[in-house]
Amino acid sequence: MSKRPGRRGGARARRQQRLNRAVRASLPPGAALLPEEELAATSGEGKGQGRALVIACGALAKEILLLKKQLGLDTLDMHCLPAIWHNTPQYIPEGVRARIRQAKREGYGRILVAYGDCGTGGALDAVLAEEGVRRLPGAHCYAFFSGVENFMQRLQDDGSEARAYYLTDYLVRHFDSLVWRGLMLDEHPELLSDYFGSYEKLVHLAQVDDAELDTRAREAAKRLGLKHERRLVGFGDLATALEDLRVRQ
């Protein structure tokens, strides 16, 4: 009699699979996460009670984990929703609401939503007001990485800023997939002037001092036919918000 093959992965893997299914089931229609789009990070034992949670756009995962280490936020957990939702911002408000309610069931008392408005037209703010949770300031990551006040002041003082195309470190790293191929410029280069004809410069809002990213940003500007400008802005209001979580722990 042949031996029945064992189930792969063991009990821990099965628990994680059930958790992943539950997370997907809580999301709005059409917004189910693929495994590579979902990132949950916890530290220490357990989650929930006595810990803080950041519900973040996936584009901020690397920066949040770096700040978590720098600031010594041992009781901070993170759950990232897909960065690709910026192409379908209608999913963001209810996707965030579902994760907030799950977090409350899990016992988290301190929750920060690491999004700007991100193209939701105020719909995300309406959800957060109902749920009693705050988010990062500003309309988008370019503003809160720069510091919202600094970003708005530069827009007022420099007329060319309105014709700037911004990239964060994340967007520089994923320029090919999110911008070049994402806008189908690899197949239809004739669309370049339609998309970028009104821009004058590409501004790399750098979170870290990285020569390789600087080179890649310069190459991206050249491919788009734009002037290149680099600003080492750091983490701006994201760092301030996470520091506030530490103060309140």
C-alpha atoms as a PDB file:
ATOM      1  CA  MET A   1       0.000   0.000   0.000  1.00  0.00           C
ATOM      2  CA  SER A   2       1.476   3.303  -1.047  1.00  0.00           C
ATOM      3  CA  LYS A   3       2.111   5.950   1.527  1.00  0.00           C
ATOM      4  CA  ARG A   4      -0.140   8.966   1.317  1.00  0.00           C
ATOM      5  CA  PRO A   5       1.939  12.057   0.632  1.00  0.00           C
ATOM      6  CA  GLY A   6       2.056  14.519   3.481  1.00  0.00           C
ATOM      7  CA  ARG A   7       0.629  17.994   3.162  1.00  0.00           C
ATOM      8  CA  ARG A   8       3.269  20.451   2.153  1.00  0.00           C
ATOM      9  CA  GLY A   9       4.283  23.294   4.405  1.00  0.00           C
ATOM     10  CA  GLY A  10       3.001  22.064   7.759  1.00  0.00           C
ATOM     11  CA  ALA A  11       0.556  23.634  10.195  1.00  0.00           C
ATOM     12  CA  ARG A  12       2.231  27.043  10.194  1.00  0.00           C
ATOM     13  CA  ALA A  13       2.000  27.324   6.393  1.00  0.00           C
ATOM     14  CA  ARG A  14      -1.663  26.278   6.480  1.00  0.00           C
ATOM     15  CA  ARG A  15      -2.419  28.921   9.094  1.00  0.00           C
ATOM     16  CA  GLN A  16      -0.784  31.544   6.885  1.00  0.00           C
ATOM     17  CA  GLN A  17      -2.792  30.348   3.892  1.00  0.00           C
ATOM     18  CA  ARG A  18      -6.017  30.682   5.884  1.00  0.00           C
ATOM     19  CA  LEU A  19      -4.971  34.170   6.981  1.00  0.00           C
ATOM     20  CA  ASN A  20      -4.230  35.173   3.396  1.00  0.00           C
ATOM     21  CA  ARG A  21      -7.641  33.915   2.288  1.00  0.00           C
ATOM     22  CA  ALA A  22      -9.319  35.881   5.088  1.00  0.00           C
ATOM     23  CA  VAL A  23      -7.478  39.062   4.110  1.00  0.00           C
ATOM     24  CA  ARG A  24      -8.498  38.669   0.482  1.00  0.00           C
ATOM     25  CA  ALA A  25     -12.097  37.982   1.468  1.00  0.00           C
ATOM     26  CA  SER A  26     -12.196  41.275   3.398  1.00  0.00           C
ATOM     27  CA  LEU A  27     -11.213  43.371   0.392  1.00  0.00           C
ATOM     28  CA  PRO A  28     -13.636  45.057  -2.010  1.00  0.00           C
ATOM     29  CA  PRO A  29     -14.721  43.255  -5.185  1.00  0.00           C
ATOM     30  CA  GLY A  30     -12.004  43.051  -7.813  1.00  0.00           C
ATOM     31  CA  ALA A  31      -9.268  43.969  -5.362  1.00  0.00           C
ATOM     32  CA  ALA A  32      -8.114  40.531  -4.209  1.00  0.00           C
ATOM     33  CA  LEU A  33      -4.410  40.506  -3.450  1.00  0.00           C
ATOM     34  CA  LEU A  34      -1.924  38.325  -5.220  1.00  0.00           C
ATOM     35  CA  PRO A  35       0.668  36.797  -2.862  1.00  0.00           C
ATOM     36  CA  GLU A  36       3.462  38.969  -4.257  1.00  0.00           C
ATOM     37  CA  GLU A  37       1.357  42.111  -3.742  1.00  0.00           C
ATOM     38  CA  GLU A  38       0.670  41.480  -0.061  1.00  0.00           C
ATOM     39  CA  LEU A  39       3.195  42.222   2.650  1.00  0.00           C
ATOM     40  CA  ALA A  40       2.589  41.842   6.362  1.00  0.00           C
ATOM     41  CA  ALA A  41       5.414  42.358   8.830  1.00  0.00           C
ATOM     42  CA  THR A  42       5.265  41.731  12.564  1.00  0.00           C
ATOM     43  CA  SER A  43       7.954  41.537  15.199  1.00  0.00           C
ATOM     44  CA  GLY A  44       8.053  39.880  18.578  1.00  0.00           C
ATOM     45  CA  GLU A  45       5.346  37.528  19.758  1.00  0.00           C
ATOM     46  CA  GLY A  46       1.758  37.903  18.662  1.00  0.00           C
ATOM     47  CA  LYS A  47       0.026  40.990  17.388  1.00  0.00           C
ATOM     48  CA  GLY A  48      -2.744  43.331  18.352  1.00  0.00           C
ATOM     49  CA  GLN A  49      -2.982  44.232  22.030  1.00  0.00           C
ATOM     50  CA  GLY A  50      -0.265  46.675  23.095  1.00  0.00           C
ATOM     51  CA  ARG A  51       1.106  47.027  19.559  1.00  0.00           C
ATOM     52  CA  ALA A  52       0.739  49.643  16.816  1.00  0.00           C
ATOM     53  CA  LEU A  53      -0.135  48.964  13.184  1.00  0.00           C
ATOM     54  CA  VAL A  54       0.685  50.910  10.044  1.00  0.00           C
ATOM     55  CA  ILE A  55      -1.653  50.161   7.136  1.00  0.00           C
ATOM     56  CA  ALA A  56       0.410  51.296   4.202  1.00  0.00           C
ATOM     57  CA  CYS A  57       0.612  51.542   0.462  1.00  0.00           C
ATOM     58  CA  GLY A  58       2.982  48.850  -0.758  1.00  0.00           C
ATOM     59  CA  ALA A  59       5.188  51.556  -2.279  1.00  0.00           C
ATOM     60  CA  LEU A  60       6.190  52.581   1.277  1.00  0.00           C
ATOM     61  CA  ALA A  61       7.133  49.153   2.655  1.00  0.00           C
ATOM     62  CA  LYS A  62      10.914  49.483   2.352  1.00  0.00           C
ATOM     63  CA  GLU A  63      10.939  52.967   3.882  1.00  0.00           C
ATOM     64  CA  ILE A  64       8.667  52.013   6.795  1.00  0.00           C
ATOM     65  CA  LEU A  65      10.777  48.962   7.657  1.00  0.00           C
ATOM     66  CA  LEU A  66      13.922  51.113   7.557  1.00  0.00           C
ATOM     67  CA  LEU A  67      12.364  53.749   9.836  1.00  0.00           C
ATOM     68  CA  LYS A  68      11.049  51.041  12.138  1.00  0.00           C
ATOM     69  CA  LYS A  69      14.631  49.886  12.661  1.00  0.00           C
ATOM     70  CA  GLN A  70      16.098  53.385  12.944  1.00  0.00           C
ATOM     71  CA  LEU A  71      13.502  54.548  15.467  1.00  0.00           C
ATOM     72  CA  GLY A  72      13.516  51.348  17.510  1.00  0.00           C
ATOM     73  CA  LEU A  73       9.799  50.701  17.001  1.00  0.00           C
ATOM     74  CA  ASP A  74       9.786  47.170  18.356  1.00  0.00           C
ATOM     75  CA  THR A  75       6.022  47.104  18.869  1.00  0.00           C
ATOM     76  CA  LEU A  76       5.157  48.368  15.390  1.00  0.00           C
ATOM     77  CA  ASP A  77       3.574  46.030  12.829  1.00  0.00           C
ATOM     78  CA  MET A  78       2.868  46.796   9.199  1.00  0.00           C
ATOM     79  CA  HIS A  79       0.381  45.608   6.618  1.00  0.00           C
ATOM     80  CA  CYS A  80       0.757  46.811   3.042  1.00  0.00           C
ATOM     81  CA  LEU A  81      -1.960  47.006   0.440  1.00  0.00           C
ATOM     82  CA  PRO A  82      -1.029  46.805  -3.264  1.00  0.00           C
ATOM     83  CA  ALA A  83       0.903  49.744  -4.692  1.00  0.00           C
ATOM     84  CA  ILE A  84      -0.854  49.057  -7.994  1.00  0.00           C
ATOM     85  CA  TRP A  85      -4.083  50.377  -6.439  1.00  0.00           C
ATOM     86  CA  HIS A  86      -2.844  53.844  -7.403  1.00  0.00           C
ATOM     87  CA  ASN A  87      -3.990  52.929 -10.900  1.00  0.00           C
ATOM     88  CA  THR A  88      -7.429  52.067  -9.475  1.00  0.00           C
ATOM     89  CA  PRO A  89      -7.794  54.440  -6.500  1.00  0.00           C
ATOM     90  CA  GLN A  90     -11.454  53.538  -6.114  1.00  0.00           C
ATOM     91  CA  TYR A  91     -10.254  50.397  -4.294  1.00  0.00           C
ATOM     92  CA  ILE A  92      -8.231  52.289  -1.696  1.00  0.00           C
ATOM     93  CA  PRO A  93     -10.953  53.624   0.674  1.00  0.00           C
ATOM     94  CA  GLU A  94     -12.855  50.371   1.193  1.00  0.00           C
ATOM     95  CA  GLY A  95      -9.675  48.286   1.101  1.00  0.00           C
ATOM     96  CA  VAL A  96      -8.260  50.440   3.910  1.00  0.00           C
ATOM     97  CA  ARG A  97     -11.568  50.277   5.820  1.00  0.00           C
ATOM     98  CA  ALA A  98     -11.577  46.484   5.667  1.00  0.00           C
ATOM     99  CA  ARG A  99      -8.030  46.301   7.030  1.00  0.00           C
ATOM    100  CA  ILE A 100      -8.799  48.820   9.800  1.00  0.00           C
ATOM    101  CA  ARG A 101     -11.748  46.749  10.977  1.00  0.00           C
ATOM    102  CA  GLN A 102      -9.673  43.594  10.877  1.00  0.00           C
ATOM    103  CA  ALA A 103      -6.965  45.361  12.903  1.00  0.00           C
ATOM    104  CA  LYS A 104      -9.498  46.433  15.527  1.00  0.00           C
ATOM    105  CA  ARG A 105     -10.719  42.839  15.820  1.00  0.00           C
ATOM    106  CA  GLU A 106      -7.106  41.801  16.318  1.00  0.00           C
ATOM    107  CA  GLY A 107      -6.799  44.259  19.212  1.00  0.00           C
ATOM    108  CA  TYR A 108      -4.669  47.053  17.742  1.00  0.00           C
ATOM    109  CA  GLY A 109      -5.281  50.277  19.644  1.00  0.00           C
ATOM    110  CA  ARG A 110      -2.926  52.517  17.646  1.00  0.00           C
ATOM    111  CA  ILE A 111      -3.391  52.544  13.876  1.00  0.00           C
ATOM    112  CA  LEU A 112      -1.830  54.835  11.284  1.00  0.00           C
ATOM    113  CA  VAL A 113      -2.828  54.794   7.619  1.00  0.00           C
ATOM    114  CA  ALA A 114       0.261  55.491   5.506  1.00  0.00           C
ATOM    115  CA  TYR A 115      -1.485  57.004   2.501  1.00  0.00           C
ATOM    116  CA  GLY A 116      -2.058  60.511   1.236  1.00  0.00           C
ATOM    117  CA  ASP A 117      -5.378  61.193  -0.438  1.00  0.00           C
ATOM    118  CA  CYS A 118      -3.831  59.291  -3.367  1.00  0.00           C
ATOM    119  CA  GLY A 119      -6.449  60.169  -5.958  1.00  0.00           C
ATOM    120  CA  THR A 120      -9.479  59.144  -3.913  1.00  0.00           C
ATOM    121  CA  GLY A 121     -11.005  62.628  -4.072  1.00  0.00           C
ATOM    122  CA  GLY A 122     -11.662  62.777  -0.320  1.00  0.00           C
ATOM    123  CA  ALA A 123     -13.264  59.321  -0.160  1.00  0.00           C
ATOM    124  CA  LEU A 124     -10.400  57.935   1.946  1.00  0.00           C
ATOM    125  CA  ASP A 125     -10.744  60.805   4.433  1.00  0.00           C
ATOM    126  CA  ALA A 126     -14.466  60.088   4.746  1.00  0.00           C
ATOM    127  CA  VAL A 127     -13.706  56.454   5.611  1.00  0.00           C
ATOM    128  CA  LEU A 128     -11.043  57.426   8.137  1.00  0.00           C
ATOM    129  CA  ALA A 129     -13.377  59.919   9.826  1.00  0.00           C
ATOM    130  CA  GLU A 130     -15.949  57.149  10.248  1.00  0.00           C
ATOM    131  CA  GLU A 131     -13.356  54.711  11.583  1.00  0.00           C
ATOM    132  CA  GLY A 132     -11.566  57.221  13.831  1.00  0.00           C
ATOM    133  CA  VAL A 133      -8.134  56.653  12.275  1.00  0.00           C
ATOM    134  CA  ARG A 134      -5.681  59.227  10.945  1.00  0.00           C
ATOM    135  CA  ARG A 135      -3.511  59.178   7.843  1.00  0.00           C
ATOM    136  CA  LEU A 136      -0.361  60.907   6.653  1.00  0.00           C
ATOM    137  CA  PRO A 137      -0.775  64.578   5.694  1.00  0.00           C
ATOM    138  CA  GLY A 138      -1.000  65.798   2.123  1.00  0.00           C
ATOM    139  CA  ALA A 139      -2.396  64.668  -1.185  1.00  0.00           C
ATOM    140  CA  HIS A 140       0.328  62.174  -2.119  1.00  0.00           C
ATOM    141  CA  CYS A 141       3.706  60.703  -1.185  1.00  0.00           C
ATOM    142  CA  TYR A 142       5.616  63.466  -2.993  1.00  0.00           C
ATOM    143  CA  ALA A 143       4.145  65.961  -0.532  1.00  0.00           C
ATOM    144  CA  PHE A 144       4.638  64.033   2.696  1.00  0.00           C
ATOM    145  CA  PHE A 145       8.157  62.860   1.783  1.00  0.00           C
ATOM    146  CA  SER A 146       9.103  66.475   1.035  1.00  0.00           C
ATOM    147  CA  GLY A 147       7.197  67.767   4.049  1.00  0.00           C
ATOM    148  CA  VAL A 148       3.794  69.124   3.055  1.00  0.00           C
ATOM    149  CA  GLU A 149       4.586  72.732   3.993  1.00  0.00           C
ATOM    150  CA  ASN A 150       7.860  72.685   2.067  1.00  0.00           C
ATOM    151  CA  PHE A 151       6.219  71.049  -0.937  1.00  0.00           C
ATOM    152  CA  MET A 152       3.392  73.586  -1.113  1.00  0.00           C
ATOM    153  CA  GLN A 153       5.769  76.516  -0.592  1.00  0.00           C
ATOM    154  CA  ARG A 154       7.960  75.360  -3.473  1.00  0.00           C
ATOM    155  CA  LEU A 155       4.888  75.122  -5.726  1.00  0.00           C
ATOM    156  CA  GLN A 156       4.088  78.748  -4.901  1.00  0.00           C
ATOM    157  CA  ASP A 157       7.649  80.044  -5.302  1.00  0.00           C
ATOM    158  CA  ASP A 158       8.778  78.137  -8.408  1.00  0.00           C
ATOM    159  CA  GLY A 159       6.591  78.246 -11.502  1.00  0.00           C
ATOM    160  CA  SER A 160       8.481  75.346 -13.119  1.00  0.00           C
ATOM    161  CA  GLU A 161       7.416  73.064 -10.266  1.00  0.00           C
ATOM    162  CA  ALA A 162       3.965  72.725 -11.796  1.00  0.00           C
ATOM    163  CA  ARG A 163       5.651  71.105 -14.816  1.00  0.00           C
ATOM    164  CA  ALA A 164       7.703  68.617 -12.774  1.00  0.00           C
ATOM    165  CA  TYR A 165       7.259  64.850 -12.951  1.00  0.00           C
ATOM    166  CA  TYR A 166       8.167  63.305  -9.588  1.00  0.00           C
ATOM    167  CA  LEU A 167       9.738  59.970  -8.769  1.00  0.00           C
ATOM    168  CA  THR A 168      10.364  58.605  -5.278  1.00  0.00           C
ATOM    169  CA  ASP A 169      13.035  55.954  -4.651  1.00  0.00           C
ATOM    170  CA  TYR A 170      10.356  53.291  -5.063  1.00  0.00           C
ATOM    171  CA  LEU A 171       9.294  54.657  -8.440  1.00  0.00           C
ATOM    172  CA  VAL A 172      12.909  54.890  -9.583  1.00  0.00           C
ATOM    173  CA  ARG A 173      13.466  51.249  -8.650  1.00  0.00           C
ATOM    174  CA  HIS A 174      10.310  50.188 -10.498  1.00  0.00           C
ATOM    175  CA  PHE A 175      10.390  52.719 -13.336  1.00  0.00           C
ATOM    176  CA  ASP A 176      10.390  50.102 -16.084  1.00  0.00           C
ATOM    177  CA  SER A 177       7.417  48.128 -14.782  1.00  0.00           C
ATOM    178  CA  LEU A 178       5.273  50.967 -13.412  1.00  0.00           C
ATOM    179  CA  VAL A 179       6.012  53.789 -15.855  1.00  0.00           C
ATOM    180  CA  TRP A 180       7.652  52.580 -19.059  1.00  0.00           C
ATOM    181  CA  ARG A 181       5.775  49.311 -19.492  1.00  0.00           C
ATOM    182  CA  GLY A 182       2.875  50.417 -17.285  1.00  0.00           C
ATOM    183  CA  LEU A 183       2.087  53.216 -19.757  1.00  0.00           C
ATOM    184  CA  MET A 184       2.872  50.885 -22.694  1.00  0.00           C
ATOM    185  CA  LEU A 185       5.712  53.116 -23.882  1.00  0.00           C
ATOM    186  CA  ASP A 186       7.725  50.004 -24.693  1.00  0.00           C
ATOM    187  CA  GLU A 187       5.126  49.078 -27.338  1.00  0.00           C
ATOM    188  CA  HIS A 188       3.937  52.567 -28.282  1.00  0.00           C
ATOM    189  CA  PRO A 189       6.811  55.081 -27.961  1.00  0.00           C
ATOM    190  CA  GLU A 190       4.736  57.545 -29.985  1.00  0.00           C
ATOM    191  CA  LEU A 191       2.691  58.083 -26.806  1.00  0.00           C
ATOM    192  CA  LEU A 192       5.673  59.671 -25.055  1.00  0.00           C
ATOM    193  CA  SER A 193       4.792  63.214 -26.104  1.00  0.00           C
ATOM    194  CA  ASP A 194       1.135  62.669 -25.153  1.00  0.00           C
ATOM    195  CA  TYR A 195       2.065  61.601 -21.626  1.00  0.00           C
ATOM    196  CA  PHE A 196       5.062  63.821 -20.934  1.00  0.00           C
ATOM    197  CA  GLY A 197       4.932  66.669 -23.435  1.00  0.00           C
ATOM    198  CA  SER A 198       3.721  69.136 -20.795  1.00  0.00           C
ATOM    199  CA  TYR A 199       6.530  68.327 -18.339  1.00  0.00           C
ATOM    200  CA  GLU A 200       9.876  70.110 -18.228  1.00  0.00           C
ATOM    201  CA  LYS A 201      11.825  68.134 -15.663  1.00  0.00           C
ATOM    202  CA  LEU A 202      11.943  64.875 -13.753  1.00  0.00           C
ATOM    203  CA  VAL A 203      12.486  65.466 -10.033  1.00  0.00           C
ATOM    204  CA  HIS A 204      13.855  62.533  -8.052  1.00  0.00           C
ATOM    205  CA  LEU A 205      12.688  62.987  -4.468  1.00  0.00           C
ATOM    206  CA  ALA A 206      15.289  60.725  -2.870  1.00  0.00           C
ATOM    207  CA  GLN A 207      14.711  59.087   0.494  1.00  0.00           C
ATOM    208  CA  VAL A 208      18.285  57.792   0.828  1.00  0.00           C
ATOM    209  CA  ASP A 209      21.634  58.805  -0.639  1.00  0.00           C
ATOM    210  CA  ASP A 210      22.148  56.056  -3.201  1.00  0.00           C
ATOM    211  CA  ALA A 211      24.411  56.540  -6.229  1.00  0.00           C
ATOM    212  CA  GLU A 212      22.813  53.674  -8.144  1.00  0.00           C
ATOM    213  CA  LEU A 213      19.312  55.121  -7.744  1.00  0.00           C
ATOM    214  CA  ASP A 214      20.651  58.524  -8.790  1.00  0.00           C
ATOM    215  CA  THR A 215      22.037  56.995 -11.991  1.00  0.00           C
ATOM    216  CA  ARG A 216      18.773  55.188 -12.700  1.00  0.00           C
ATOM    217  CA  ALA A 217      16.783  58.396 -12.170  1.00  0.00           C
ATOM    218  CA  ARG A 218      19.037  60.223 -14.641  1.00  0.00           C
ATOM    219  CA  GLU A 219      18.479  57.451 -17.177  1.00  0.00           C
ATOM    220  CA  ALA A 220      14.720  57.657 -16.626  1.00  0.00           C
ATOM    221  CA  ALA A 221      14.771  61.420 -17.241  1.00  0.00           C
ATOM    222  CA  LYS A 222      16.727  60.892 -20.453  1.00  0.00           C
ATOM    223  CA  ARG A 223      14.256  58.283 -21.697  1.00  0.00           C
ATOM    224  CA  LEU A 224      11.367  60.667 -21.029  1.00  0.00           C
ATOM    225  CA  GLY A 225      13.169  63.598 -22.654  1.00  0.00           C
ATOM    226  CA  LEU A 226      13.155  65.638 -19.440  1.00  0.00           C
ATOM    227  CA  LYS A 227      15.744  67.559 -17.447  1.00  0.00           C
ATOM    228  CA  HIS A 228      16.906  65.762 -14.304  1.00  0.00           C
ATOM    229  CA  GLU A 229      16.844  67.186 -10.794  1.00  0.00           C
ATOM    230  CA  ARG A 230      17.614  65.333  -7.572  1.00  0.00           C
ATOM    231  CA  ARG A 231      16.503  66.369  -4.074  1.00  0.00           C
ATOM    232  CA  LEU A 232      17.507  64.397  -1.027  1.00  0.00           C
ATOM    233  CA  VAL A 233      14.308  64.947   0.974  1.00  0.00           C
ATOM    234  CA  GLY A 234      14.559  61.924   3.281  1.00  0.00           C
ATOM    235  CA  PHE A 235      11.377  60.615   4.894  1.00  0.00           C
ATOM    236  CA  GLY A 236       9.675  63.899   5.749  1.00  0.00           C
ATOM    237  CA  ASP A 237       6.277  63.637   7.419  1.00  0.00           C
ATOM    238  CA  LEU A 238       6.375  59.822   7.307  1.00  0.00           C
ATOM    239  CA  ALA A 239       9.212  59.841   9.854  1.00  0.00           C
ATOM    240  CA  THR A 240       7.337  62.368  12.015  1.00  0.00           C
ATOM    241  CA  ALA A 241       4.172  60.241  12.024  1.00  0.00           C
ATOM    242  CA  LEU A 242       6.044  57.062  12.989  1.00  0.00           C
ATOM    243  CA  GLU A 243       7.939  58.924  15.698  1.00  0.00           C
ATOM    244  CA  ASP A 244       4.568  60.017  17.081  1.00  0.00           C
ATOM    245  CA  LEU A 245       3.512  56.370  17.286  1.00  0.00           C
ATOM    246  CA  ARG A 246       6.593  55.688  19.403  1.00  0.00           C
ATOM    247  CA  VAL A 247       5.791  58.598  21.720  1.00  0.00           C
ATOM    248  CA  ARG A 248       2.267  57.218  22.230  1.00  0.00           C
ATOM    249  CA  GLN A 249       3.337  53.600  22.856  1.00  0.00           C
END
